[in-house]
């Protein structure tokens, strides 16, 4: 695993310009199963306000939007966001933002933040910066949902390293609502302790 790559907006913009769906989010059976498990973890109760960091072309966004009264979806790639906007055009409760996460402020307070296939791109400084913003961004009792591939990558961190590192930087007490693992990915659902 390479640790020296800087994964910035140019990296992702190049990927999406070369291939509209570089990870086959719209067609992969693995992705479809993972999305189904992600939505099941959230339960049936509608989410008032949610944030999806790294929405890509909006495949998960479209499904999340049906569970949320308001969803803000962000990505670092303008090309990916254009595709996501087109996919989710019939959904008036979704707002898209071009954001250089985790550097840019999350600008809002959310009952749910979704980090699907995102955190392992961040180095130690990125993780610390993002964790600091979470204190003002997650409502009391709000949830943080992480899903990460466990296979070999050349990203700055493995899926396990990413989740462990973010957990160690959280600025508030957390209740683990779900920790689900397959041979391919892990899903972690954390809830901000309302007493913290």
C-alpha atoms as a PDB file:
ATOM      1  CA  UNK A   1       0.000   0.000   0.000  1.00  0.00           C
ATOM      2  CA  UNK A   2       1.431   3.364  -1.012  1.00  0.00           C
ATOM      3  CA  UNK A   3       1.291   6.120   1.586  1.00  0.00           C
ATOM      4  CA  UNK A   4       2.792   8.965  -0.444  1.00  0.00           C
ATOM      5  CA  UNK A   5      -0.032   9.740  -2.877  1.00  0.00           C
ATOM      6  CA  UNK A   6      -1.837  13.021  -2.444  1.00  0.00           C
ATOM      7  CA  UNK A   7      -5.438  12.299  -3.362  1.00  0.00           C
ATOM      8  CA  UNK A   8      -6.828  15.712  -4.228  1.00  0.00           C
ATOM      9  CA  UNK A   9      -9.612  16.933  -6.483  1.00  0.00           C
ATOM     10  CA  UNK A  10      -7.411  16.663  -9.606  1.00  0.00           C
ATOM     11  CA  UNK A  11      -6.941  12.932  -9.006  1.00  0.00           C
ATOM     12  CA  UNK A  12     -10.702  12.312  -8.866  1.00  0.00           C
ATOM     13  CA  UNK A  13     -11.539  14.747 -11.650  1.00  0.00           C
ATOM     14  CA  UNK A  14      -9.172  12.887 -13.967  1.00  0.00           C
ATOM     15  CA  UNK A  15     -10.748   9.543 -13.026  1.00  0.00           C
ATOM     16  CA  UNK A  16     -14.289  10.725 -13.802  1.00  0.00           C
ATOM     17  CA  UNK A  17     -13.307  12.401 -17.053  1.00  0.00           C
ATOM     18  CA  UNK A  18     -11.648   9.194 -18.255  1.00  0.00           C
ATOM     19  CA  UNK A  19     -14.475   6.909 -17.154  1.00  0.00           C
ATOM     20  CA  UNK A  20     -17.988   7.969 -16.132  1.00  0.00           C
ATOM     21  CA  UNK A  21     -18.302   5.300 -13.420  1.00  0.00           C
ATOM     22  CA  UNK A  22     -14.735   4.280 -12.474  1.00  0.00           C
ATOM     23  CA  UNK A  23     -15.773   1.883  -9.694  1.00  0.00           C
ATOM     24  CA  UNK A  24     -18.907   0.510 -11.406  1.00  0.00           C
ATOM     25  CA  UNK A  25     -21.169   1.907  -8.670  1.00  0.00           C
ATOM     26  CA  UNK A  26     -24.221   1.655 -10.909  1.00  0.00           C
ATOM     27  CA  UNK A  27     -23.676  -1.896 -12.170  1.00  0.00           C
ATOM     28  CA  UNK A  28     -21.581  -3.919  -9.703  1.00  0.00           C
ATOM     29  CA  UNK A  29     -23.420  -6.644  -7.701  1.00  0.00           C
ATOM     30  CA  UNK A  30     -20.948  -5.978  -4.875  1.00  0.00           C
ATOM     31  CA  UNK A  31     -21.973  -2.319  -4.773  1.00  0.00           C
ATOM     32  CA  UNK A  32     -25.690  -3.156  -4.901  1.00  0.00           C
ATOM     33  CA  UNK A  33     -25.367  -5.568  -1.967  1.00  0.00           C
ATOM     34  CA  UNK A  34     -23.320  -3.038  -0.014  1.00  0.00           C
ATOM     35  CA  UNK A  35     -25.892  -0.287  -0.631  1.00  0.00           C
ATOM     36  CA  UNK A  36     -28.715  -2.559   0.514  1.00  0.00           C
ATOM     37  CA  UNK A  37     -26.824  -3.344   3.722  1.00  0.00           C
ATOM     38  CA  UNK A  38     -26.059   0.360   4.244  1.00  0.00           C
ATOM     39  CA  UNK A  39     -29.721   1.322   3.967  1.00  0.00           C
ATOM     40  CA  UNK A  40     -30.792  -1.571   6.205  1.00  0.00           C
ATOM     41  CA  UNK A  41     -28.416  -0.360   8.916  1.00  0.00           C
ATOM     42  CA  UNK A  42     -30.212   3.002   8.965  1.00  0.00           C
ATOM     43  CA  UNK A  43     -33.595   1.452   9.726  1.00  0.00           C
ATOM     44  CA  UNK A  44     -36.950   2.689   8.493  1.00  0.00           C
ATOM     45  CA  UNK A  45     -37.276   5.936  10.469  1.00  0.00           C
ATOM     46  CA  UNK A  46     -36.843   8.952   8.159  1.00  0.00           C
ATOM     47  CA  UNK A  47     -33.726  11.062   8.716  1.00  0.00           C
ATOM     48  CA  UNK A  48     -34.397  14.768   9.126  1.00  0.00           C
ATOM     49  CA  UNK A  49     -31.064  16.124   7.869  1.00  0.00           C
ATOM     50  CA  UNK A  50     -28.218  14.119   6.323  1.00  0.00           C
ATOM     51  CA  UNK A  51     -24.841  14.712   4.701  1.00  0.00           C
ATOM     52  CA  UNK A  52     -23.138  12.341   2.282  1.00  0.00           C
ATOM     53  CA  UNK A  53     -19.423  13.050   1.872  1.00  0.00           C
ATOM     54  CA  UNK A  54     -17.986  11.796  -1.406  1.00  0.00           C
ATOM     55  CA  UNK A  55     -21.236  11.115  -3.255  1.00  0.00           C
ATOM     56  CA  UNK A  56     -19.528  10.311  -6.577  1.00  0.00           C
ATOM     57  CA  UNK A  57     -22.095   9.909  -9.384  1.00  0.00           C
ATOM     58  CA  UNK A  58     -25.020   9.733  -6.955  1.00  0.00           C
ATOM     59  CA  UNK A  59     -25.952   6.041  -6.984  1.00  0.00           C
ATOM     60  CA  UNK A  60     -26.109   5.752  -3.180  1.00  0.00           C
ATOM     61  CA  UNK A  61     -27.328   9.356  -2.972  1.00  0.00           C
ATOM     62  CA  UNK A  62     -30.455   8.509  -4.948  1.00  0.00           C
ATOM     63  CA  UNK A  63     -31.267   5.691  -2.499  1.00  0.00           C
ATOM     64  CA  UNK A  64     -30.404   7.701   0.624  1.00  0.00           C
ATOM     65  CA  UNK A  65     -32.616  10.563  -0.517  1.00  0.00           C
ATOM     66  CA  UNK A  66     -35.683   8.358  -0.203  1.00  0.00           C
ATOM     67  CA  UNK A  67     -34.876   7.979   3.522  1.00  0.00           C
ATOM     68  CA  UNK A  68     -34.060  11.634   4.226  1.00  0.00           C
ATOM     69  CA  UNK A  69     -36.165  14.769   4.406  1.00  0.00           C
ATOM     70  CA  UNK A  70     -33.075  16.800   3.485  1.00  0.00           C
ATOM     71  CA  UNK A  71     -29.807  15.467   2.052  1.00  0.00           C
ATOM     72  CA  UNK A  72     -26.681  17.410   1.176  1.00  0.00           C
ATOM     73  CA  UNK A  73     -24.348  15.404  -1.068  1.00  0.00           C
ATOM     74  CA  UNK A  74     -20.771  16.539  -1.638  1.00  0.00           C
ATOM     75  CA  UNK A  75     -17.852  15.547  -3.794  1.00  0.00           C
ATOM     76  CA  UNK A  76     -14.470  16.957  -4.828  1.00  0.00           C
ATOM     77  CA  UNK A  77     -15.097  16.246  -8.532  1.00  0.00           C
ATOM     78  CA  UNK A  78     -17.272  18.637 -10.524  1.00  0.00           C
ATOM     79  CA  UNK A  79     -17.679  15.971 -13.224  1.00  0.00           C
ATOM     80  CA  UNK A  80     -18.976  13.415 -10.707  1.00  0.00           C
ATOM     81  CA  UNK A  81     -21.347  15.993  -9.207  1.00  0.00           C
ATOM     82  CA  UNK A  82     -22.802  16.802 -12.632  1.00  0.00           C
ATOM     83  CA  UNK A  83     -23.604  13.115 -13.093  1.00  0.00           C
ATOM     84  CA  UNK A  84     -25.083  12.909  -9.582  1.00  0.00           C
ATOM     85  CA  UNK A  85     -27.286  15.959 -10.226  1.00  0.00           C
ATOM     86  CA  UNK A  86     -28.648  14.363 -13.386  1.00  0.00           C
ATOM     87  CA  UNK A  87     -29.325  11.060 -11.617  1.00  0.00           C
ATOM     88  CA  UNK A  88     -31.117  12.764  -8.718  1.00  0.00           C
ATOM     89  CA  UNK A  89     -32.886  15.501 -10.695  1.00  0.00           C
ATOM     90  CA  UNK A  90     -36.392  14.240  -9.716  1.00  0.00           C
ATOM     91  CA  UNK A  91     -35.508  14.446  -5.996  1.00  0.00           C
ATOM     92  CA  UNK A  92     -36.121  18.001  -4.674  1.00  0.00           C
ATOM     93  CA  UNK A  93     -34.794  17.184  -1.172  1.00  0.00           C
ATOM     94  CA  UNK A  94     -31.183  16.741  -2.411  1.00  0.00           C
ATOM     95  CA  UNK A  95     -28.662  19.568  -2.605  1.00  0.00           C
ATOM     96  CA  UNK A  96     -25.239  19.096  -4.171  1.00  0.00           C
ATOM     97  CA  UNK A  97     -22.062  20.915  -3.183  1.00  0.00           C
ATOM     98  CA  UNK A  98     -18.550  20.891  -4.591  1.00  0.00           C
ATOM     99  CA  UNK A  99     -16.475  20.477  -1.433  1.00  0.00           C
ATOM    100  CA  UNK A 100     -12.817  19.664  -0.794  1.00  0.00           C
ATOM    101  CA  UNK A 101     -13.511  17.399   2.199  1.00  0.00           C
ATOM    102  CA  UNK A 102     -12.175  17.292   4.795  1.00  0.00           C
ATOM    103  CA  UNK A 103     -10.639  20.748   4.347  1.00  0.00           C
ATOM    104  CA  UNK A 104     -13.854  22.701   3.738  1.00  0.00           C
ATOM    105  CA  UNK A 105     -16.252  23.322   6.590  1.00  0.00           C
ATOM    106  CA  UNK A 106     -19.280  21.015   6.559  1.00  0.00           C
ATOM    107  CA  UNK A 107     -21.572  24.029   7.067  1.00  0.00           C
ATOM    108  CA  UNK A 108     -24.528  22.553   8.842  1.00  0.00           C
ATOM    109  CA  UNK A 109     -25.814  20.323  11.605  1.00  0.00           C
ATOM    110  CA  UNK A 110     -26.848  16.809  10.671  1.00  0.00           C
ATOM    111  CA  UNK A 111     -28.651  13.827  12.148  1.00  0.00           C
ATOM    112  CA  UNK A 112     -26.668  11.539   9.844  1.00  0.00           C
ATOM    113  CA  UNK A 113     -23.314  11.797   8.092  1.00  0.00           C
ATOM    114  CA  UNK A 114     -22.443   9.074   5.578  1.00  0.00           C
ATOM    115  CA  UNK A 115     -18.805   8.328   4.746  1.00  0.00           C
ATOM    116  CA  UNK A 116     -18.923   5.525   2.201  1.00  0.00           C
ATOM    117  CA  UNK A 117     -15.538   4.607   0.699  1.00  0.00           C
ATOM    118  CA  UNK A 118     -14.046   7.938   1.763  1.00  0.00           C
ATOM    119  CA  UNK A 119     -11.942   7.975   4.941  1.00  0.00           C
ATOM    120  CA  UNK A 120      -9.101   5.795   3.677  1.00  0.00           C
ATOM    121  CA  UNK A 121      -8.151   8.544   1.221  1.00  0.00           C
ATOM    122  CA  UNK A 122      -7.276  10.897   4.094  1.00  0.00           C
ATOM    123  CA  UNK A 123      -3.909  11.262   5.767  1.00  0.00           C
ATOM    124  CA  UNK A 124      -3.419  12.032   9.470  1.00  0.00           C
ATOM    125  CA  UNK A 125      -3.871  15.798   9.043  1.00  0.00           C
ATOM    126  CA  UNK A 126      -7.052  15.295   7.004  1.00  0.00           C
ATOM    127  CA  UNK A 127      -8.499  12.948   9.624  1.00  0.00           C
ATOM    128  CA  UNK A 128      -7.782  15.341  12.455  1.00  0.00           C
ATOM    129  CA  UNK A 129      -9.265  18.282  10.540  1.00  0.00           C
ATOM    130  CA  UNK A 130     -12.417  16.357   9.704  1.00  0.00           C
ATOM    131  CA  UNK A 131     -12.843  15.051  13.247  1.00  0.00           C
ATOM    132  CA  UNK A 132     -12.642  18.593  14.600  1.00  0.00           C
ATOM    133  CA  UNK A 133     -15.496  19.720  12.355  1.00  0.00           C
ATOM    134  CA  UNK A 134     -17.674  16.823  13.533  1.00  0.00           C
ATOM    135  CA  UNK A 135     -18.131  18.429  16.937  1.00  0.00           C
ATOM    136  CA  UNK A 136     -20.231  21.164  15.343  1.00  0.00           C
ATOM    137  CA  UNK A 137     -21.747  19.034  12.599  1.00  0.00           C
ATOM    138  CA  UNK A 138     -23.362  16.008  14.260  1.00  0.00           C
ATOM    139  CA  UNK A 139     -26.503  16.607  16.323  1.00  0.00           C
ATOM    140  CA  UNK A 140     -26.804  15.097  19.788  1.00  0.00           C
ATOM    141  CA  UNK A 141     -27.891  11.530  19.153  1.00  0.00           C
ATOM    142  CA  UNK A 142     -26.886  11.915  15.497  1.00  0.00           C
ATOM    143  CA  UNK A 143     -25.208   9.105  13.618  1.00  0.00           C
ATOM    144  CA  UNK A 144     -22.032   8.620  11.625  1.00  0.00           C
ATOM    145  CA  UNK A 145     -22.121   5.766   9.080  1.00  0.00           C
ATOM    146  CA  UNK A 146     -18.878   4.465   7.585  1.00  0.00           C
ATOM    147  CA  UNK A 147     -18.491   1.798   4.892  1.00  0.00           C
ATOM    148  CA  UNK A 148     -15.055   0.788   3.583  1.00  0.00           C
ATOM    149  CA  UNK A 149     -13.548  -1.807   1.264  1.00  0.00           C
ATOM    150  CA  UNK A 150     -11.153  -4.161   3.062  1.00  0.00           C
ATOM    151  CA  UNK A 151      -9.085  -5.336   0.102  1.00  0.00           C
ATOM    152  CA  UNK A 152      -5.662  -4.139  -0.947  1.00  0.00           C
ATOM    153  CA  UNK A 153      -5.443  -0.564  -2.264  1.00  0.00           C
ATOM    154  CA  UNK A 154      -2.815   2.073  -2.880  1.00  0.00           C
ATOM    155  CA  UNK A 155      -4.738   4.624  -0.797  1.00  0.00           C
ATOM    156  CA  UNK A 156      -3.082   6.308   2.210  1.00  0.00           C
ATOM    157  CA  UNK A 157      -4.843   3.882   4.630  1.00  0.00           C
ATOM    158  CA  UNK A 158      -6.570   0.530   4.644  1.00  0.00           C
ATOM    159  CA  UNK A 159     -10.279   0.386   5.487  1.00  0.00           C
ATOM    160  CA  UNK A 160      -9.509  -0.881   9.000  1.00  0.00           C
ATOM    161  CA  UNK A 161      -6.843   1.758   9.598  1.00  0.00           C
ATOM    162  CA  UNK A 162      -9.176   4.510   8.423  1.00  0.00           C
ATOM    163  CA  UNK A 163     -12.010   3.535  10.758  1.00  0.00           C
ATOM    164  CA  UNK A 164      -9.709   3.056  13.757  1.00  0.00           C
ATOM    165  CA  UNK A 165      -7.999   6.392  13.163  1.00  0.00           C
ATOM    166  CA  UNK A 166     -11.236   8.356  12.823  1.00  0.00           C
ATOM    167  CA  UNK A 167     -12.668   6.730  15.937  1.00  0.00           C
ATOM    168  CA  UNK A 168      -9.589   7.781  17.922  1.00  0.00           C
ATOM    169  CA  UNK A 169     -10.074  11.418  16.830  1.00  0.00           C
ATOM    170  CA  UNK A 170     -13.810  11.747  17.539  1.00  0.00           C
ATOM    171  CA  UNK A 171     -14.485  14.835  19.662  1.00  0.00           C
ATOM    172  CA  UNK A 172     -17.463  13.323  21.526  1.00  0.00           C
ATOM    173  CA  UNK A 173     -18.451  10.043  23.194  1.00  0.00           C
ATOM    174  CA  UNK A 174     -19.831   7.445  20.807  1.00  0.00           C
ATOM    175  CA  UNK A 175     -22.219   4.519  21.026  1.00  0.00           C
ATOM    176  CA  UNK A 176     -21.561   1.738  18.501  1.00  0.00           C
ATOM    177  CA  UNK A 177     -24.962   0.860  17.037  1.00  0.00           C
ATOM    178  CA  UNK A 178     -23.621  -1.556  14.448  1.00  0.00           C
ATOM    179  CA  UNK A 179     -20.310  -3.107  13.427  1.00  0.00           C
ATOM    180  CA  UNK A 180     -20.856  -5.372  10.429  1.00  0.00           C
ATOM    181  CA  UNK A 181     -18.109  -7.060   8.445  1.00  0.00           C
ATOM    182  CA  UNK A 182     -17.816  -9.259   5.378  1.00  0.00           C
ATOM    183  CA  UNK A 183     -14.677 -10.500   3.651  1.00  0.00           C
ATOM    184  CA  UNK A 184     -14.948  -7.489   1.312  1.00  0.00           C
ATOM    185  CA  UNK A 185     -16.064  -4.510   3.400  1.00  0.00           C
ATOM    186  CA  UNK A 186     -16.875  -3.246   6.874  1.00  0.00           C
ATOM    187  CA  UNK A 187     -19.820  -1.116   7.971  1.00  0.00           C
ATOM    188  CA  UNK A 188     -19.678   0.915  11.169  1.00  0.00           C
ATOM    189  CA  UNK A 189     -22.619   2.890  12.540  1.00  0.00           C
ATOM    190  CA  UNK A 190     -21.787   5.208  15.425  1.00  0.00           C
ATOM    191  CA  UNK A 191     -24.140   7.415  17.392  1.00  0.00           C
ATOM    192  CA  UNK A 192     -23.150  10.555  19.233  1.00  0.00           C
ATOM    193  CA  UNK A 193     -23.876   9.976  22.894  1.00  0.00           C
ATOM    194  CA  UNK A 194     -26.557  12.463  23.904  1.00  0.00           C
ATOM    195  CA  UNK A 195     -24.899  12.790  27.291  1.00  0.00           C
ATOM    196  CA  UNK A 196     -21.510  13.817  25.861  1.00  0.00           C
END
